[in-house]
Every structure is written in structure tokens, then in C-alpha cells.
Amino acid sequence: MRLGEIFDLLFKIILLILAIVIIVWELQLLFGGSPTVEELLIGVVFIIGGFVFNHHREVGVIKNEMKHNFLNIKNSFDSIKEDIGSIKQDMNLIKKRLKV
């Protein structure tokens, strides 16, 4: 496992635990429990912030992968262009030999 995958796993576990805590707090509030509305809202803000951070990181990873993949595609097209050029030279040579 890479460091990024370990980070993703730990981050998702933390978000899951925080979501469970928020659900428990909400149930306690519904039945007259101890957490205040401010604590519940702070928890909601943290979980939304966590999801935004996770989304932002994943978009960055995708952007980085696309950058490298597009560079590989460009190199592949350059290679194909060179191959087509060599095929044209070979065809011209064949035409000269056959005198077509």
C-alpha cells in the first residue's frame, strides 16, 4: 500500500466515526440528551469540511494522473507519426524498385 492509500483509509475511518458520533448526538438531542445544538453543528461542519478536503485531494490526484496520461498520449502520437513517416519512405523505395 502506498502512503496515499493509507491516508485515504485512515481519513475515511475518521469520517465514518465522526458521522456515527453526529448521528448519536442527533438521536440524543431528539430524546432530550446532553449535547448542545452548537456541538452538533460543529460536528457537522467538521464532517462537511472532511468531505470537501477528501474531494479536493481526489480531484488533485485525478488532475495529476491526467497530466501524465496526456503526456504519454502525446508521446504515442509522436511515435505513430514517426512510424508513418518511415512507412512512407519504405513505400517510396518499393515504388522505385518496382518502377511504378
Protein backbone atom coordinates (compact mmCIF):
# COMPACT_ATOMS: atom_id res chain seq x y z
CA MET A 1 0.00 0.00 0.00
CA ARG A 2 1.16 3.45 -0.86
CA LEU A 3 1.18 6.28 1.63
CA GLY A 4 -1.74 7.97 -0.16
CA GLU A 5 -3.88 4.83 0.10
CA ILE A 6 -3.12 4.51 3.82
CA PHE A 7 -4.01 8.19 4.29
CA ASP A 8 -7.29 7.66 2.40
CA LEU A 9 -8.19 4.67 4.55
CA LEU A 10 -7.45 6.47 7.83
CA PHE A 11 -9.30 9.58 6.67
CA LYS A 12 -12.38 7.59 5.68
CA ILE A 13 -12.34 5.76 9.02
CA ILE A 14 -12.18 9.10 10.87
CA LEU A 15 -15.06 10.48 8.79
CA LEU A 16 -17.12 7.35 9.45
CA ILE A 17 -16.53 7.60 13.20
CA LEU A 18 -17.41 11.30 13.14
CA ALA A 19 -20.60 10.56 11.20
CA ILE A 20 -21.60 7.92 13.75
CA VAL A 21 -20.94 10.38 16.60
CA ILE A 22 -23.10 13.01 14.89
CA ILE A 23 -25.93 10.51 14.42
CA VAL A 24 -25.74 9.51 18.11
CA TRP A 25 -25.70 13.18 19.17
CA GLU A 26 -28.70 13.89 16.97
CA LEU A 27 -30.60 10.98 18.49
CA GLN A 28 -29.69 12.22 21.97
CA LEU A 29 -30.96 15.70 21.10
CA LEU A 30 -34.22 14.27 19.77
CA PHE A 31 -34.79 12.39 23.02
CA GLY A 32 -33.63 15.18 25.36
CA GLY A 33 -29.96 14.27 25.68
CA SER A 34 -26.94 16.28 26.70
CA PRO A 35 -25.15 17.57 23.54
CA THR A 36 -26.00 21.12 22.61
CA VAL A 37 -27.00 22.30 19.18
CA GLU A 38 -23.65 24.06 18.85
CA GLU A 39 -21.77 20.81 19.41
CA LEU A 40 -23.90 19.11 16.79
CA LEU A 41 -23.31 21.94 14.30
CA ILE A 42 -19.55 21.89 14.97
CA GLY A 43 -19.54 18.16 14.25
CA VAL A 44 -21.50 18.70 11.03
CA VAL A 45 -19.07 21.44 9.97
CA PHE A 46 -16.11 19.12 10.62
CA ILE A 47 -17.62 16.27 8.63
CA ILE A 48 -18.52 18.55 5.71
CA GLY A 49 -15.01 20.01 5.84
CA GLY A 50 -13.60 16.49 5.80
CA PHE A 51 -15.65 15.57 2.75
CA VAL A 52 -14.57 18.77 0.97
CA PHE A 53 -10.91 18.10 1.82
CA ASN A 54 -11.21 14.50 0.60
CA HIS A 55 -12.91 15.62 -2.62
CA HIS A 56 -10.28 18.30 -3.22
CA ARG A 57 -7.46 15.77 -2.73
CA GLU A 58 -9.08 13.24 -5.07
CA VAL A 59 -9.55 15.90 -7.77
CA GLY A 60 -5.86 16.78 -7.40
CA VAL A 61 -4.87 13.13 -7.82
CA ILE A 62 -7.06 12.81 -10.92
CA LYS A 63 -5.64 16.04 -12.36
CA ASN A 64 -2.08 14.80 -11.79
CA GLU A 65 -2.83 11.43 -13.42
CA MET A 66 -4.48 13.13 -16.41
CA LYS A 67 -1.43 15.36 -16.85
CA HIS A 68 0.89 12.35 -17.05
CA ASN A 69 -1.50 10.30 -19.20
CA PHE A 70 -1.92 13.13 -21.72
CA LEU A 71 1.86 13.42 -21.93
CA ASN A 72 2.05 9.67 -22.64
CA ILE A 73 -0.65 10.01 -25.31
CA LYS A 74 1.25 12.87 -26.94
CA ASN A 75 4.42 10.75 -26.99
CA SER A 76 2.46 7.86 -28.50
CA PHE A 77 1.13 10.08 -31.31
CA ASP A 78 4.65 11.35 -31.99
CA SER A 79 5.82 7.74 -32.22
CA ILE A 80 2.99 6.90 -34.62
CA LYS A 81 3.87 9.94 -36.73
CA GLU A 82 7.48 8.74 -36.98
CA ASP A 83 6.32 5.22 -37.90
CA ILE A 84 4.06 6.56 -40.65
CA GLY A 85 6.98 8.60 -41.99
CA SER A 86 9.19 5.51 -42.14
CA ILE A 87 6.40 3.54 -43.84
CA LYS A 88 6.10 6.29 -46.50
CA GLN A 89 9.85 6.12 -47.11
CA ASP A 90 9.65 2.35 -47.45
CA MET A 91 6.72 2.64 -49.88
CA ASN A 92 8.66 5.14 -51.99
CA LEU A 93 11.64 2.79 -52.03
CA ILE A 94 9.41 -0.11 -53.11
CA LYS A 95 7.89 2.05 -55.88
CA LYS A 96 11.38 2.99 -57.14
CA ARG A 97 12.47 -0.66 -57.15
CA LEU A 98 9.32 -1.73 -58.98
CA LYS A 99 9.44 1.40 -61.17
CA VAL A 100 5.75 2.08 -60.75
